[in-house]
Amino acid sequence: MPRIEPLEPPYPDQVDQALRRWMPPGAAHEPIALFRVLHRSPELASRMFAVGAGLLGHGLLPDTDRETVIARVTARAGCGYEWGVHAAAFAERAGLTPEQLRATTDDDPTAGAAWSPRQVALLRAVDELHDGARLSPGAWEALRDHYEDAQLLEFLVLTGWYRTISYLANGLLLDDEPWATPFPGHLPR
């Protein structure tokens, strides 16, 4: 049971309009629990929407790279909730194979799937940031080989943002969405 219960319909008009903005057009399910909990604080939700929507809908990283980063960040943070939402809603459409998606949950994600050199650089950088909140010169140079400055800044914000989202979902003890992809195996440290 979540520590803060998500709002349930019928929603107040302002919340209903905001939740519809947060969900993709034509979504076949109710707004996710995370969004419905956040709307217990509409001002906070509004501020968070700008960052989240900007990263997902207007980002500079290729969709496959964005979803690779999100899957690895949420897996490393032990957030099966957000990992499962993105695995179900975005990963395939962004071009991740089932093997790649599963590999993001492994202790060494580069060992079990075919990755491009830039994706290997992303995965290794995510792990360094997770482990020490820093990037070594080698990890930075590996990223720089593939990305421009604006993309590198976005990568750093993206990893931090989904670490924050993981803290939020884990701290709230959110139940997995019924339609989300179940987190495979163990949650890596």
N, C-alpha and C. Protein backbone atom coordinates (compact mmCIF):
# COMPACT_ATOMS: atom_id res chain seq x y z
N MET A 1 0.84 -1.18 0.00
CA MET A 1 0.00 0.00 0.00
C MET A 1 0.89 1.25 0.00
N PRO A 2 0.62 2.19 -0.90
CA PRO A 2 1.42 3.41 -0.97
C PRO A 2 1.34 4.23 0.32
N ARG A 3 2.40 4.92 0.62
CA ARG A 3 2.43 5.77 1.82
C ARG A 3 1.52 6.98 1.69
N ILE A 4 1.33 7.46 0.47
CA ILE A 4 0.36 8.52 0.18
C ILE A 4 -0.52 7.96 -0.93
N GLU A 5 -1.80 7.89 -0.68
CA GLU A 5 -2.72 7.30 -1.65
C GLU A 5 -2.86 8.18 -2.89
N PRO A 6 -2.80 7.57 -4.07
CA PRO A 6 -3.06 8.34 -5.29
C PRO A 6 -4.50 8.85 -5.32
N LEU A 7 -4.69 9.98 -5.94
CA LEU A 7 -6.05 10.48 -6.15
C LEU A 7 -6.83 9.48 -6.99
N GLU A 8 -8.12 9.42 -6.76
CA GLU A 8 -9.00 8.54 -7.53
C GLU A 8 -10.05 9.39 -8.22
N PRO A 9 -10.53 8.95 -9.41
CA PRO A 9 -11.58 9.71 -10.07
C PRO A 9 -12.88 9.64 -9.25
N PRO A 10 -13.71 10.62 -9.41
CA PRO A 10 -13.60 11.79 -10.30
C PRO A 10 -12.63 12.82 -9.70
N TYR A 11 -11.83 13.39 -10.59
CA TYR A 11 -10.85 14.38 -10.17
C TYR A 11 -11.46 15.78 -10.27
N PRO A 12 -11.01 16.70 -9.42
CA PRO A 12 -11.41 18.10 -9.63
C PRO A 12 -10.99 18.53 -11.05
N ASP A 13 -11.72 19.47 -11.63
CA ASP A 13 -11.49 19.87 -13.02
C ASP A 13 -10.03 20.22 -13.31
N GLN A 14 -9.41 21.03 -12.45
CA GLN A 14 -8.02 21.44 -12.70
C GLN A 14 -7.09 20.23 -12.69
N VAL A 15 -7.30 19.32 -11.76
CA VAL A 15 -6.46 18.13 -11.66
C VAL A 15 -6.71 17.22 -12.87
N ASP A 16 -7.96 17.09 -13.26
CA ASP A 16 -8.30 16.26 -14.42
C ASP A 16 -7.60 16.78 -15.67
N GLN A 17 -7.63 18.08 -15.87
CA GLN A 17 -6.96 18.67 -17.03
C GLN A 17 -5.45 18.45 -16.96
N ALA A 18 -4.88 18.64 -15.78
CA ALA A 18 -3.44 18.46 -15.63
C ALA A 18 -3.04 17.00 -15.87
N LEU A 19 -3.79 16.07 -15.32
CA LEU A 19 -3.47 14.65 -15.51
C LEU A 19 -3.56 14.25 -16.98
N ARG A 20 -4.53 14.80 -17.69
CA ARG A 20 -4.63 14.49 -19.13
C ARG A 20 -3.41 15.01 -19.89
N ARG A 21 -2.85 16.12 -19.46
CA ARG A 21 -1.62 16.64 -20.09
C ARG A 21 -0.44 15.73 -19.82
N TRP A 22 -0.43 15.08 -18.67
CA TRP A 22 0.70 14.23 -18.28
C TRP A 22 0.69 12.90 -19.00
N MET A 23 -0.46 12.47 -19.47
CA MET A 23 -0.56 11.16 -20.12
C MET A 23 -0.52 11.31 -21.64
N PRO A 24 0.03 10.30 -22.34
CA PRO A 24 0.04 10.38 -23.80
C PRO A 24 -1.39 10.40 -24.35
N PRO A 25 -1.62 11.10 -25.45
CA PRO A 25 -2.95 11.11 -26.05
C PRO A 25 -3.42 9.69 -26.35
N GLY A 26 -4.66 9.40 -26.02
CA GLY A 26 -5.23 8.09 -26.31
C GLY A 26 -4.76 6.98 -25.39
N ALA A 27 -4.16 7.32 -24.25
CA ALA A 27 -3.69 6.28 -23.31
C ALA A 27 -4.87 5.39 -22.93
N ALA A 28 -4.62 4.09 -22.90
CA ALA A 28 -5.68 3.11 -22.65
C ALA A 28 -5.93 2.88 -21.17
N HIS A 29 -5.27 3.61 -20.31
CA HIS A 29 -5.42 3.38 -18.88
C HIS A 29 -5.46 4.71 -18.14
N GLU A 30 -5.85 4.64 -16.89
CA GLU A 30 -5.88 5.82 -16.03
C GLU A 30 -4.48 6.41 -15.90
N PRO A 31 -4.37 7.67 -15.52
CA PRO A 31 -3.05 8.22 -15.23
C PRO A 31 -2.34 7.36 -14.18
N ILE A 32 -1.04 7.25 -14.31
CA ILE A 32 -0.29 6.37 -13.41
C ILE A 32 -0.35 6.89 -11.98
N ALA A 33 -0.14 5.97 -11.05
CA ALA A 33 -0.23 6.29 -9.62
C ALA A 33 0.73 7.41 -9.23
N LEU A 34 1.94 7.41 -9.79
CA LEU A 34 2.90 8.45 -9.46
C LEU A 34 2.33 9.83 -9.76
N PHE A 35 1.73 10.00 -10.91
CA PHE A 35 1.15 11.29 -11.28
C PHE A 35 0.00 11.65 -10.35
N ARG A 36 -0.82 10.65 -10.01
CA ARG A 36 -1.98 10.91 -9.16
C ARG A 36 -1.57 11.25 -7.72
N VAL A 37 -0.46 10.71 -7.26
CA VAL A 37 0.05 11.10 -5.94
C VAL A 37 0.62 12.52 -6.01
N LEU A 38 1.40 12.80 -7.05
CA LEU A 38 1.98 14.13 -7.17
C LEU A 38 0.92 15.22 -7.19
N HIS A 39 -0.24 14.91 -7.72
CA HIS A 39 -1.29 15.93 -7.80
C HIS A 39 -2.00 16.16 -6.47
N ARG A 40 -1.53 15.54 -5.43
CA ARG A 40 -1.94 15.93 -4.07
C ARG A 40 -1.25 17.24 -3.72
N SER A 41 -0.22 17.60 -4.47
CA SER A 41 0.46 18.89 -4.37
C SER A 41 0.53 19.47 -5.77
N PRO A 42 -0.57 20.09 -6.24
CA PRO A 42 -0.61 20.57 -7.63
C PRO A 42 0.53 21.51 -8.02
N GLU A 43 0.99 22.34 -7.11
CA GLU A 43 2.09 23.25 -7.45
C GLU A 43 3.38 22.48 -7.70
N LEU A 44 3.68 21.52 -6.85
CA LEU A 44 4.86 20.69 -7.06
C LEU A 44 4.73 19.90 -8.36
N ALA A 45 3.56 19.32 -8.58
CA ALA A 45 3.34 18.56 -9.81
C ALA A 45 3.56 19.43 -11.04
N SER A 46 3.08 20.65 -10.99
CA SER A 46 3.24 21.57 -12.13
C SER A 46 4.72 21.84 -12.40
N ARG A 47 5.48 22.06 -11.36
CA ARG A 47 6.92 22.33 -11.54
C ARG A 47 7.63 21.10 -12.10
N MET A 48 7.24 19.93 -11.62
CA MET A 48 7.88 18.70 -12.09
C MET A 48 7.50 18.38 -13.53
N PHE A 49 6.29 18.73 -13.92
CA PHE A 49 5.83 18.47 -15.28
C PHE A 49 6.75 19.10 -16.31
N ALA A 50 7.17 20.33 -16.05
CA ALA A 50 7.99 21.04 -17.03
C ALA A 50 9.28 20.27 -17.32
N VAL A 51 9.93 19.77 -16.30
CA VAL A 51 11.18 19.04 -16.51
C VAL A 51 10.91 17.69 -17.18
N GLY A 52 9.97 16.93 -16.61
CA GLY A 52 9.69 15.59 -17.14
C GLY A 52 9.23 15.62 -18.58
N ALA A 53 8.30 16.50 -18.89
CA ALA A 53 7.79 16.58 -20.26
C ALA A 53 8.87 17.07 -21.21
N GLY A 54 9.71 17.97 -20.74
CA GLY A 54 10.80 18.46 -21.59
C GLY A 54 11.79 17.36 -21.93
N LEU A 55 12.13 16.53 -20.97
CA LEU A 55 13.07 15.44 -21.22
C LEU A 55 12.48 14.37 -22.13
N LEU A 56 11.21 14.06 -21.93
CA LEU A 56 10.59 12.99 -22.73
C LEU A 56 10.16 13.46 -24.12
N GLY A 57 9.63 14.65 -24.20
CA GLY A 57 9.05 15.08 -25.46
C GLY A 57 9.88 16.02 -26.30
N HIS A 58 10.89 16.61 -25.70
CA HIS A 58 11.65 17.63 -26.42
C HIS A 58 13.16 17.49 -26.21
N GLY A 59 13.58 16.29 -25.86
CA GLY A 59 14.98 16.07 -25.56
C GLY A 59 15.86 16.03 -26.80
N LEU A 60 17.14 16.17 -26.57
CA LEU A 60 18.13 16.16 -27.64
C LEU A 60 18.77 14.79 -27.85
N LEU A 61 18.64 13.92 -26.87
CA LEU A 61 19.19 12.57 -27.02
C LEU A 61 18.26 11.73 -27.89
N PRO A 62 18.80 10.83 -28.69
CA PRO A 62 17.94 9.91 -29.44
C PRO A 62 17.06 9.12 -28.46
N ASP A 63 15.85 8.79 -28.88
CA ASP A 63 14.91 8.08 -28.01
C ASP A 63 15.51 6.80 -27.44
N THR A 64 16.23 6.05 -28.25
CA THR A 64 16.83 4.80 -27.77
C THR A 64 17.82 5.09 -26.65
N ASP A 65 18.60 6.12 -26.80
CA ASP A 65 19.58 6.47 -25.77
C ASP A 65 18.87 6.93 -24.50
N ARG A 66 17.85 7.76 -24.66
CA ARG A 66 17.09 8.23 -23.50
C ARG A 66 16.52 7.06 -22.72
N GLU A 67 15.90 6.12 -23.42
CA GLU A 67 15.27 4.99 -22.72
C GLU A 67 16.31 4.03 -22.15
N THR A 68 17.47 3.92 -22.78
CA THR A 68 18.56 3.13 -22.21
C THR A 68 18.98 3.71 -20.87
N VAL A 69 19.16 5.02 -20.85
CA VAL A 69 19.55 5.71 -19.62
C VAL A 69 18.48 5.54 -18.55
N ILE A 70 17.24 5.77 -18.90
CA ILE A 70 16.16 5.67 -17.91
C ILE A 70 16.07 4.25 -17.35
N ALA A 71 16.17 3.26 -18.22
CA ALA A 71 16.08 1.87 -17.75
C ALA A 71 17.22 1.55 -16.80
N ARG A 72 18.43 1.99 -17.12
CA ARG A 72 19.57 1.67 -16.25
C ARG A 72 19.50 2.44 -14.94
N VAL A 73 19.16 3.73 -15.00
CA VAL A 73 19.06 4.53 -13.78
C VAL A 73 18.02 3.92 -12.84
N THR A 74 16.84 3.62 -13.36
CA THR A 74 15.78 3.09 -12.49
C THR A 74 16.11 1.69 -11.99
N ALA A 75 16.78 0.89 -12.81
CA ALA A 75 17.19 -0.44 -12.35
C ALA A 75 18.22 -0.32 -11.23
N ARG A 76 19.22 0.52 -11.44
CA ARG A 76 20.27 0.69 -10.42
C ARG A 76 19.69 1.25 -9.12
N ALA A 77 18.67 2.08 -9.23
CA ALA A 77 18.04 2.66 -8.04
C ALA A 77 17.04 1.68 -7.41
N GLY A 78 16.88 0.52 -8.01
CA GLY A 78 15.95 -0.47 -7.47
C GLY A 78 14.50 -0.06 -7.59
N CYS A 79 14.19 0.69 -8.64
CA CYS A 79 12.83 1.20 -8.83
C CYS A 79 12.11 0.40 -9.91
N GLY A 80 11.61 -0.77 -9.54
CA GLY A 80 10.86 -1.59 -10.47
C GLY A 80 9.63 -0.88 -11.01
N TYR A 81 9.04 0.01 -10.20
CA TYR A 81 7.85 0.75 -10.64
C TYR A 81 8.14 1.54 -11.92
N GLU A 82 9.12 2.43 -11.86
CA GLU A 82 9.39 3.30 -13.02
C GLU A 82 10.03 2.53 -14.15
N TRP A 83 10.89 1.56 -13.83
CA TRP A 83 11.48 0.71 -14.86
C TRP A 83 10.35 0.04 -15.65
N GLY A 84 9.37 -0.52 -14.95
CA GLY A 84 8.27 -1.23 -15.61
C GLY A 84 7.39 -0.34 -16.45
N VAL A 85 7.15 0.89 -16.00
CA VAL A 85 6.34 1.84 -16.77
C VAL A 85 7.05 2.16 -18.09
N HIS A 86 8.33 2.48 -18.01
CA HIS A 86 9.06 2.82 -19.24
C HIS A 86 9.27 1.61 -20.14
N ALA A 87 9.49 0.45 -19.53
CA ALA A 87 9.64 -0.77 -20.33
C ALA A 87 8.38 -1.05 -21.14
N ALA A 88 7.23 -0.85 -20.54
CA ALA A 88 5.96 -1.12 -21.23
C ALA A 88 5.56 -0.02 -22.20
N ALA A 89 5.80 1.23 -21.83
CA ALA A 89 5.25 2.34 -22.61
C ALA A 89 6.21 2.93 -23.65
N PHE A 90 7.52 2.79 -23.43
CA PHE A 90 8.46 3.52 -24.29
C PHE A 90 9.56 2.68 -24.93
N ALA A 91 10.02 1.66 -24.25
CA ALA A 91 11.25 0.97 -24.65
C ALA A 91 11.20 0.41 -26.07
N GLU A 92 10.19 -0.36 -26.39
CA GLU A 92 10.12 -0.97 -27.72
C GLU A 92 9.97 0.10 -28.80
N ARG A 93 9.10 1.06 -28.54
CA ARG A 93 8.88 2.14 -29.52
C ARG A 93 10.16 2.95 -29.74
N ALA A 94 10.99 3.04 -28.70
CA ALA A 94 12.26 3.78 -28.82
C ALA A 94 13.35 2.95 -29.49
N GLY A 95 13.11 1.65 -29.67
CA GLY A 95 14.07 0.82 -30.37
C GLY A 95 14.90 -0.11 -29.51
N LEU A 96 14.60 -0.20 -28.22
CA LEU A 96 15.32 -1.16 -27.38
C LEU A 96 14.79 -2.57 -27.64
N THR A 97 15.69 -3.51 -27.78
CA THR A 97 15.27 -4.91 -27.94
C THR A 97 14.94 -5.49 -26.56
N PRO A 98 14.18 -6.57 -26.52
CA PRO A 98 13.92 -7.22 -25.22
C PRO A 98 15.22 -7.61 -24.50
N GLU A 99 16.23 -8.04 -25.26
CA GLU A 99 17.50 -8.43 -24.65
C GLU A 99 18.20 -7.21 -24.04
N GLN A 100 18.18 -6.09 -24.74
CA GLN A 100 18.79 -4.88 -24.20
C GLN A 100 18.06 -4.42 -22.95
N LEU A 101 16.76 -4.41 -23.02
CA LEU A 101 15.96 -3.98 -21.87
C LEU A 101 16.26 -4.85 -20.66
N ARG A 102 16.28 -6.15 -20.86
CA ARG A 102 16.59 -7.07 -19.76
C ARG A 102 18.00 -6.83 -19.24
N ALA A 103 18.94 -6.57 -20.13
CA ALA A 103 20.33 -6.35 -19.72
C ALA A 103 20.49 -5.13 -18.82
N THR A 104 19.60 -4.15 -18.95
CA THR A 104 19.71 -2.97 -18.09
C THR A 104 19.53 -3.32 -16.63
N THR A 105 19.00 -4.49 -16.34
CA THR A 105 18.80 -4.93 -14.96
C THR A 105 19.93 -5.81 -14.45
N ASP A 106 20.89 -6.14 -15.31
CA ASP A 106 21.99 -7.02 -14.92
C ASP A 106 23.09 -6.22 -14.20
N ASP A 107 23.89 -6.93 -13.41
CA ASP A 107 25.01 -6.27 -12.74
C ASP A 107 25.95 -5.63 -13.75
N ASP A 108 26.22 -6.33 -14.86
CA ASP A 108 27.00 -5.76 -15.96
C ASP A 108 26.11 -5.73 -17.19
N PRO A 109 25.48 -4.61 -17.47
CA PRO A 109 24.53 -4.56 -18.57
C PRO A 109 25.17 -4.71 -19.95
N THR A 110 26.47 -4.51 -20.04
CA THR A 110 27.13 -4.59 -21.35
C THR A 110 27.49 -6.01 -21.73
N ALA A 111 27.36 -6.96 -20.81
CA ALA A 111 27.79 -8.34 -21.07
C ALA A 111 26.74 -9.18 -21.79
N GLY A 112 25.45 -8.84 -21.64
CA GLY A 112 24.43 -9.75 -22.13
C GLY A 112 23.61 -9.29 -23.31
N ALA A 113 23.98 -8.21 -23.94
CA ALA A 113 23.19 -7.71 -25.07
C ALA A 113 24.09 -6.97 -26.04
N ALA A 114 23.59 -6.82 -27.25
CA ALA A 114 24.33 -6.08 -28.27
C ALA A 114 24.02 -4.59 -28.11
N TRP A 115 25.06 -3.82 -27.81
CA TRP A 115 24.92 -2.39 -27.64
C TRP A 115 25.86 -1.67 -28.61
N SER A 116 25.46 -0.50 -29.04
CA SER A 116 26.35 0.34 -29.82
C SER A 116 27.42 0.91 -28.89
N PRO A 117 28.54 1.38 -29.44
CA PRO A 117 29.55 2.00 -28.58
C PRO A 117 29.01 3.17 -27.76
N ARG A 118 28.12 3.95 -28.35
CA ARG A 118 27.59 5.09 -27.58
C ARG A 118 26.69 4.61 -26.44
N GLN A 119 25.96 3.52 -26.64
CA GLN A 119 25.12 3.01 -25.56
C GLN A 119 25.97 2.40 -24.44
N VAL A 120 27.07 1.76 -24.80
CA VAL A 120 28.00 1.25 -23.79
C VAL A 120 28.53 2.43 -22.96
N ALA A 121 28.87 3.52 -23.63
CA ALA A 121 29.35 4.71 -22.92
C ALA A 121 28.28 5.23 -21.97
N LEU A 122 27.03 5.25 -22.42
CA LEU A 122 25.92 5.70 -21.57
C LEU A 122 25.77 4.81 -20.34
N LEU A 123 25.73 3.50 -20.56
CA LEU A 123 25.53 2.56 -19.46
C LEU A 123 26.65 2.67 -18.43
N ARG A 124 27.87 2.77 -18.90
CA ARG A 124 29.00 2.89 -17.96
C ARG A 124 28.96 4.22 -17.21
N ALA A 125 28.56 5.27 -17.90
CA ALA A 125 28.45 6.58 -17.23
C ALA A 125 27.33 6.57 -16.20
N VAL A 126 26.20 5.96 -16.52
CA VAL A 126 25.12 5.86 -15.54
C VAL A 126 25.62 5.14 -14.29
N ASP A 127 26.33 4.05 -14.48
CA ASP A 127 26.83 3.29 -13.33
C ASP A 127 27.81 4.12 -12.50
N GLU A 128 28.69 4.86 -13.15
CA GLU A 128 29.63 5.71 -12.40
C GLU A 128 28.88 6.77 -11.61
N LEU A 129 27.90 7.40 -12.24
CA LEU A 129 27.12 8.42 -11.53
C LEU A 129 26.37 7.80 -10.36
N HIS A 130 25.80 6.63 -10.58
CA HIS A 130 25.07 5.96 -9.50
C HIS A 130 25.99 5.64 -8.33
N ASP A 131 27.16 5.13 -8.63
CA ASP A 131 28.08 4.67 -7.59
C ASP A 131 28.78 5.80 -6.85
N GLY A 132 29.07 6.90 -7.54
CA GLY A 132 29.86 7.94 -6.88
C GLY A 132 29.45 9.37 -7.14
N ALA A 133 28.36 9.57 -7.89
CA ALA A 133 27.88 10.92 -8.22
C ALA A 133 28.94 11.74 -8.97
N ARG A 134 29.80 11.04 -9.70
CA ARG A 134 30.85 11.68 -10.49
C ARG A 134 31.11 10.85 -11.74
N LEU A 135 31.76 11.50 -12.70
CA LEU A 135 32.21 10.80 -13.90
C LEU A 135 33.72 10.89 -14.00
N SER A 136 34.35 9.77 -14.24
CA SER A 136 35.80 9.75 -14.44
C SER A 136 36.12 10.43 -15.77
N PRO A 137 37.37 10.87 -15.95
CA PRO A 137 37.76 11.44 -17.25
C PRO A 137 37.50 10.47 -18.40
N GLY A 138 37.73 9.18 -18.19
CA GLY A 138 37.50 8.20 -19.25
C GLY A 138 36.03 8.09 -19.63
N ALA A 139 35.15 8.10 -18.63
CA ALA A 139 33.71 8.02 -18.91
C ALA A 139 33.25 9.28 -19.64
N TRP A 140 33.76 10.44 -19.23
CA TRP A 140 33.38 11.70 -19.89
C TRP A 140 33.85 11.70 -21.34
N GLU A 141 35.07 11.29 -21.57
CA GLU A 141 35.59 11.28 -22.94
C GLU A 141 34.83 10.29 -23.81
N ALA A 142 34.43 9.14 -23.24
CA ALA A 142 33.65 8.17 -24.01
C ALA A 142 32.31 8.77 -24.43
N LEU A 143 31.69 9.54 -23.55
CA LEU A 143 30.45 10.23 -23.91
C LEU A 143 30.70 11.32 -24.94
N ARG A 144 31.77 12.07 -24.73
CA ARG A 144 32.08 13.19 -25.63
C ARG A 144 32.33 12.71 -27.05
N ASP A 145 32.79 11.47 -27.21
CA ASP A 145 33.00 10.92 -28.55
C ASP A 145 31.69 10.83 -29.35
N HIS A 146 30.56 10.85 -28.65
CA HIS A 146 29.27 10.60 -29.31
C HIS A 146 28.27 11.76 -29.20
N TYR A 147 28.51 12.69 -28.30
CA TYR A 147 27.50 13.69 -28.01
C TYR A 147 28.07 15.10 -27.99
N GLU A 148 27.22 16.05 -28.33
CA GLU A 148 27.57 17.47 -28.25
C GLU A 148 27.31 17.97 -26.83
N ASP A 149 27.80 19.16 -26.53
CA ASP A 149 27.68 19.71 -25.18
C ASP A 149 26.24 19.72 -24.67
N ALA A 150 25.31 20.18 -25.49
CA ALA A 150 23.91 20.26 -25.05
C ALA A 150 23.37 18.87 -24.71
N GLN A 151 23.75 17.87 -25.47
CA GLN A 151 23.32 16.50 -25.19
C GLN A 151 23.96 15.97 -23.92
N LEU A 152 25.21 16.32 -23.67
CA LEU A 152 25.88 15.89 -22.45
C LEU A 152 25.21 16.50 -21.22
N LEU A 153 24.85 17.77 -21.31
CA LEU A 153 24.11 18.39 -20.21
C LEU A 153 22.78 17.68 -19.99
N GLU A 154 22.10 17.38 -21.08
CA GLU A 154 20.82 16.69 -20.97
C GLU A 154 21.00 15.31 -20.34
N PHE A 155 22.04 14.60 -20.73
CA PHE A 155 22.31 13.29 -20.13
C PHE A 155 22.43 13.40 -18.61
N LEU A 156 23.18 14.38 -18.14
CA LEU A 156 23.36 14.55 -16.70
C LEU A 156 22.04 14.88 -16.01
N VAL A 157 21.24 15.75 -16.61
CA VAL A 157 19.94 16.08 -16.03
C VAL A 157 19.02 14.85 -16.06
N LEU A 158 19.03 14.12 -17.17
CA LEU A 158 18.19 12.93 -17.29
C LEU A 158 18.50 11.90 -16.22
N THR A 159 19.79 11.64 -16.00
CA THR A 159 20.15 10.65 -14.98
C THR A 159 19.71 11.12 -13.59
N GLY A 160 19.93 12.37 -13.30
CA GLY A 160 19.51 12.90 -12.00
C GLY A 160 18.00 12.93 -11.84
N TRP A 161 17.31 13.26 -12.92
CA TRP A 161 15.85 13.33 -12.86
C TRP A 161 15.26 11.95 -12.56
N TYR A 162 15.75 10.94 -13.25
CA TYR A 162 15.17 9.61 -13.02
C TYR A 162 15.66 8.98 -11.73
N ARG A 163 16.77 9.45 -11.20
CA ARG A 163 17.15 9.05 -9.83
C ARG A 163 16.14 9.67 -8.86
N THR A 164 15.77 10.93 -9.08
CA THR A 164 14.77 11.60 -8.25
C THR A 164 13.43 10.88 -8.35
N ILE A 165 13.01 10.55 -9.56
CA ILE A 165 11.74 9.84 -9.74
C ILE A 165 11.80 8.49 -9.04
N SER A 166 12.94 7.82 -9.08
CA SER A 166 13.10 6.54 -8.39
C SER A 166 12.97 6.72 -6.88
N TYR A 167 13.59 7.77 -6.35
CA TYR A 167 13.46 8.04 -4.91
C TYR A 167 11.99 8.25 -4.55
N LEU A 168 11.31 8.99 -5.38
CA LEU A 168 9.91 9.30 -5.13
C LEU A 168 9.05 8.02 -5.14
N ALA A 169 9.15 7.24 -6.20
CA ALA A 169 8.34 6.02 -6.30
C ALA A 169 8.70 5.02 -5.21
N ASN A 170 10.00 4.85 -4.95
CA ASN A 170 10.42 3.92 -3.90
C ASN A 170 10.02 4.42 -2.52
N GLY A 171 10.21 5.72 -2.27
CA GLY A 171 9.86 6.29 -0.97
C GLY A 171 8.38 6.22 -0.67
N LEU A 172 7.57 6.31 -1.72
CA LEU A 172 6.11 6.23 -1.57
C LEU A 172 5.60 4.79 -1.51
N LEU A 173 6.48 3.82 -1.81
CA LEU A 173 6.09 2.40 -1.88
C LEU A 173 4.96 2.18 -2.88
N LEU A 174 5.10 2.79 -4.06
CA LEU A 174 4.06 2.65 -5.07
C LEU A 174 3.99 1.22 -5.58
N ASP A 175 2.77 0.73 -5.72
CA ASP A 175 2.54 -0.58 -6.33
C ASP A 175 2.77 -0.47 -7.82
N ASP A 176 3.30 -1.53 -8.42
CA ASP A 176 3.50 -1.53 -9.87
C ASP A 176 2.17 -1.30 -10.59
N GLU A 177 2.24 -0.60 -11.71
CA GLU A 177 1.05 -0.43 -12.54
C GLU A 177 0.65 -1.80 -13.09
N PRO A 178 -0.64 -2.11 -13.15
CA PRO A 178 -1.05 -3.45 -13.60
C PRO A 178 -0.63 -3.78 -15.03
N TRP A 179 -0.42 -2.80 -15.86
CA TRP A 179 -0.06 -3.00 -17.26
C TRP A 179 1.45 -2.91 -17.50
N ALA A 180 2.20 -2.52 -16.46
CA ALA A 180 3.64 -2.32 -16.61
C ALA A 180 4.37 -3.65 -16.77
N THR A 181 5.54 -3.59 -17.37
CA THR A 181 6.38 -4.78 -17.52
C THR A 181 6.96 -5.13 -16.15
N PRO A 182 6.80 -6.37 -15.71
CA PRO A 182 7.39 -6.75 -14.42
C PRO A 182 8.92 -6.69 -14.48
N PHE A 183 9.50 -6.24 -13.40
CA PHE A 183 10.95 -6.16 -13.30
C PHE A 183 11.51 -7.56 -13.25
N PRO A 184 12.41 -7.90 -14.17
CA PRO A 184 12.92 -9.28 -14.21
C PRO A 184 14.00 -9.54 -13.16
N GLY A 185 13.98 -10.69 -12.59
CA GLY A 185 15.07 -11.08 -11.69
C GLY A 185 15.19 -10.21 -10.46
N HIS A 186 16.40 -9.98 -10.05
CA HIS A 186 16.68 -9.18 -8.85
C HIS A 186 16.91 -7.73 -9.21
N LEU A 187 16.76 -6.89 -8.22
CA LEU A 187 17.08 -5.46 -8.40
C LEU A 187 18.56 -5.29 -8.07
N PRO A 188 19.39 -4.86 -9.04
CA PRO A 188 20.82 -4.71 -8.77
C PRO A 188 21.09 -3.61 -7.75
N ARG A 189 22.22 -3.72 -7.10
CA ARG A 189 22.59 -2.68 -6.12
C ARG A 189 23.15 -1.47 -6.80
